[in-house]
Protein backbone atom coordinates (compact mmCIF):
# COMPACT_ATOMS: atom_id res chain seq x y z
CA MET A 1 -14.03 33.37 -30.80
CA SER A 2 -14.82 36.26 -28.35
CA GLY A 3 -14.56 36.86 -24.77
CA GLN A 4 -11.30 34.48 -24.16
CA VAL A 5 -8.51 35.09 -21.88
CA GLY A 6 -6.39 33.53 -24.52
CA ASN A 7 -7.10 36.46 -26.80
CA ASN A 8 -4.38 38.61 -24.83
CA TRP A 9 -1.52 36.48 -26.55
CA VAL A 10 -0.88 39.30 -29.08
CA PRO A 11 -0.51 42.10 -26.67
CA LEU A 12 1.68 39.65 -24.56
CA ALA A 13 3.81 39.12 -27.69
CA GLY A 14 3.84 42.81 -27.74
CA VAL A 15 5.34 42.98 -24.26
CA SER A 16 7.96 40.67 -24.73
CA VAL A 17 9.11 42.73 -28.05
CA LEU A 18 8.86 45.69 -25.85
CA PHE A 19 11.43 44.15 -23.36
CA VAL A 20 13.84 43.08 -26.20
CA GLY A 21 13.74 46.59 -27.39
CA GLY A 22 14.14 47.70 -23.77
CA ALA A 23 17.43 45.44 -23.67
CA VAL A 24 18.60 47.28 -26.66
CA ALA A 25 17.73 50.74 -25.44
CA SER A 26 19.64 50.02 -22.32
CA LEU A 27 22.58 48.64 -24.14
CA LEU A 28 23.04 51.53 -26.50
CA ALA A 29 22.05 54.35 -24.00
CA GLY A 30 24.85 53.21 -21.43
CA ASP A 31 24.57 55.91 -18.71
CA ASN A 32 21.94 58.03 -20.39
CA THR A 33 18.97 56.97 -18.32
CA GLY A 34 16.81 59.45 -20.05
CA ALA A 35 16.74 57.63 -23.33
CA VAL A 36 15.77 54.23 -21.49
CA ALA A 37 12.80 56.19 -19.91
CA ALA A 38 11.90 57.64 -23.27
CA TYR A 39 11.99 54.26 -24.66
CA PHE A 40 9.62 52.68 -22.16
CA VAL A 41 7.20 55.55 -22.36
CA VAL A 42 6.86 55.67 -26.35
CA ALA A 43 7.00 51.79 -26.45
CA THR A 44 4.33 51.45 -23.85
CA LEU A 45 1.89 54.02 -25.84
CA VAL A 46 2.68 51.93 -29.11
CA LEU A 47 1.86 48.69 -27.34
CA ILE A 48 -1.41 50.29 -26.05
CA LEU A 49 -2.29 51.68 -29.43
CA VAL A 50 -1.68 48.28 -31.21
CA ALA A 51 -3.17 46.22 -28.70
CA GLY A 52 -6.48 48.24 -28.35
CA PRO A 53 -7.73 47.52 -32.05
CA TRP A 54 -6.58 43.86 -31.62
CA LEU A 55 -8.51 43.42 -28.22
CA VAL A 56 -11.70 45.18 -29.96
CA ARG A 57 -11.54 42.56 -32.84
CA ASN A 58 -10.48 39.75 -30.72
CA PRO A 59 -12.25 40.54 -27.01
CA PRO A 60 -10.39 39.24 -23.96
CA ALA A 61 -12.44 37.67 -21.20
CA ILE A 62 -13.67 41.21 -19.90
CA ASN A 63 -14.28 40.27 -16.44
CA ALA A 64 -14.64 43.97 -15.27
CA ASN A 65 -16.26 47.14 -16.67
CA THR A 66 -14.78 48.73 -19.72
CA GLY A 67 -13.91 51.80 -17.53
CA ALA A 68 -11.51 49.88 -15.45
CA TYR A 69 -9.68 48.81 -18.63
CA LEU A 70 -9.48 52.42 -19.81
CA VAL A 71 -8.35 53.68 -16.28
CA LEU A 72 -5.16 51.05 -16.26
CA ALA A 73 -4.36 52.20 -19.86
CA VAL A 74 -4.23 55.65 -18.53
CA VAL A 75 -2.64 54.85 -15.37
CA LEU A 76 -0.04 52.65 -17.14
CA GLU A 77 0.93 55.32 -19.50
CA LEU A 78 1.36 58.14 -16.87
CA GLY A 79 2.97 55.66 -14.51
CA ALA A 80 5.68 54.60 -17.21
CA LEU A 81 6.20 58.49 -17.80
CA LEU A 82 6.51 59.39 -13.95
CA GLY A 83 8.31 56.19 -13.17
CA GLY A 84 11.01 57.19 -16.07
CA SER A 85 11.37 60.60 -14.64
CA ILE A 86 12.50 59.31 -11.19
CA GLY A 87 16.29 59.50 -10.97
CA VAL A 88 17.07 56.82 -8.53
CA LEU A 89 15.29 54.34 -10.90
CA ARG A 90 17.78 54.90 -13.54
CA GLY A 91 15.10 55.07 -16.32
CA LEU A 92 13.75 51.72 -15.51
CA GLY A 93 10.59 52.70 -13.51
CA GLY A 94 8.76 52.06 -16.86
CA TRP A 95 9.71 48.53 -16.63
CA ILE A 96 8.49 48.16 -12.99
CA VAL A 97 5.35 50.14 -13.88
CA LEU A 98 4.55 48.05 -16.92
CA GLY A 99 4.96 44.92 -14.67
CA LEU A 100 2.50 46.38 -12.16
CA GLY A 101 0.01 47.35 -14.86
CA LEU A 102 0.27 43.73 -16.14
CA VAL A 103 -0.23 42.08 -12.80
CA ALA A 104 -3.46 44.51 -12.71
CA TYR A 105 -4.65 43.62 -15.95
CA GLY A 106 -4.15 39.87 -15.34
CA LEU A 107 -6.05 40.18 -12.17
CA LEU A 108 -8.90 41.91 -14.11
CA GLU A 109 -8.84 39.20 -16.76
CA ARG A 110 -8.36 36.37 -14.25
CA GLY A 111 -5.32 35.24 -16.19
CA ARG A 112 -2.78 33.63 -13.79
CA VAL A 113 -0.15 33.52 -16.57
CA MET A 114 -0.45 37.23 -17.06
CA VAL A 115 -0.14 37.88 -13.08
CA THR A 116 2.79 35.69 -12.97
CA ALA A 117 4.66 37.17 -15.91
CA GLY A 118 3.60 40.74 -14.45
CA VAL A 119 5.19 40.01 -11.29
CA PHE A 120 8.27 38.60 -12.71
CA ALA A 121 8.61 41.85 -14.49
CA VAL A 122 8.38 43.73 -11.49
CA VAL A 123 10.80 41.71 -9.32
CA ALA A 124 13.43 41.72 -12.22
CA GLY A 125 13.07 45.53 -12.74
CA VAL A 126 13.43 45.97 -8.97
CA VAL A 127 16.62 43.63 -9.16
CA ALA A 128 17.84 45.65 -12.18
CA VAL A 129 17.45 49.11 -10.36
CA VAL A 130 18.96 48.11 -7.01
CA ALA A 131 22.15 46.08 -8.74
CA HIS A 132 22.90 49.12 -11.01
CA GLN A 133 24.76 46.67 -13.47
CA THR A 134 24.52 47.26 -17.11
CA TRP A 135 25.18 43.87 -18.12
CA LEU A 136 22.62 42.47 -15.34
CA THR A 137 19.93 44.83 -16.71
CA LEU A 138 20.23 43.90 -20.10
CA ALA A 139 20.23 40.02 -18.88
CA LEU A 140 17.02 40.59 -16.82
CA GLN A 141 15.25 42.40 -19.65
CA LEU A 142 16.06 39.70 -22.13
CA LEU A 143 14.82 36.87 -19.46
CA THR A 144 11.82 39.33 -18.83
CA ALA A 145 11.04 39.10 -22.62
CA ALA A 146 11.57 35.16 -22.70
CA VAL A 147 9.18 34.89 -19.62
CA PHE A 148 6.46 37.18 -21.69
CA ALA A 149 7.11 34.93 -24.81
CA LEU A 150 6.54 31.78 -22.81
CA ALA A 151 3.18 33.48 -21.26
CA THR A 152 2.40 34.26 -24.94
CA GLY A 153 2.60 30.70 -26.04
CA ARG A 154 0.61 29.57 -22.97
CA LEU A 155 -2.30 32.13 -23.67
CA ARG A 156 -2.18 31.11 -27.62
CA HIS A 157 -2.19 27.27 -26.53
CA LEU A 158 -5.18 28.00 -24.19
CA LEU A 159 -6.96 29.84 -26.89
CA LEU A 160 -6.57 27.14 -29.69
CA SER A 161 -7.41 24.30 -27.25
CA GLN A 162 -10.52 25.98 -26.20
CA ARG A 163 -11.36 26.57 -30.03
CA HIS A 164 -10.75 23.07 -30.72
CA ALA A 165 -12.81 21.95 -27.92
CA THR A 166 -15.67 23.84 -29.33
CA GLU A 167 -15.46 22.76 -32.85
CA SER A 168 -15.20 19.19 -31.66
CA VAL A 169 -18.37 19.28 -29.86
CA PRO A 170 -20.98 17.24 -31.77
CA ALA A 171 -23.99 19.42 -33.18
CA ALA A 172 -26.39 17.24 -31.36
CA ALA A 173 -24.78 17.69 -27.92
CA ALA A 174 -24.25 21.49 -28.35
CA GLY A 175 -28.09 21.98 -28.50
């Protein structure tokens, strides 16, 4: 099925995994904020490279022109790179930028669940930066991963329910 906002469930699952990895990176890196920043830059790039082919084969709703999506991907990667290099953000700038990128993507796709998860990521990232506590950063990254896992499940359910509704329409009614 093409052109469904529910097709975003695989990239969102990738974001969930990305945040679990971020929690591990934060735990292993300790005070080495450069390692955490590098993780977010590389993981975001891998996510874009993996999600791209999936979304080509399983198109999302695409409520904007293709250029808007390409610009968003480039800005997201540059933002993760620059956000990770700002010392006061302790390497967590990529987390905040990724959340902002998902808010923008959710708005382009008109997917409220993606906007909500993105806003949660931004708020959790800001709290982690301000609190400056390793245990809280770890907990918030795991909680962010759980929020994205729930959003993934919601999008998958949406996709399957739309697919089921389309298949259950009698041939005569379909026209």
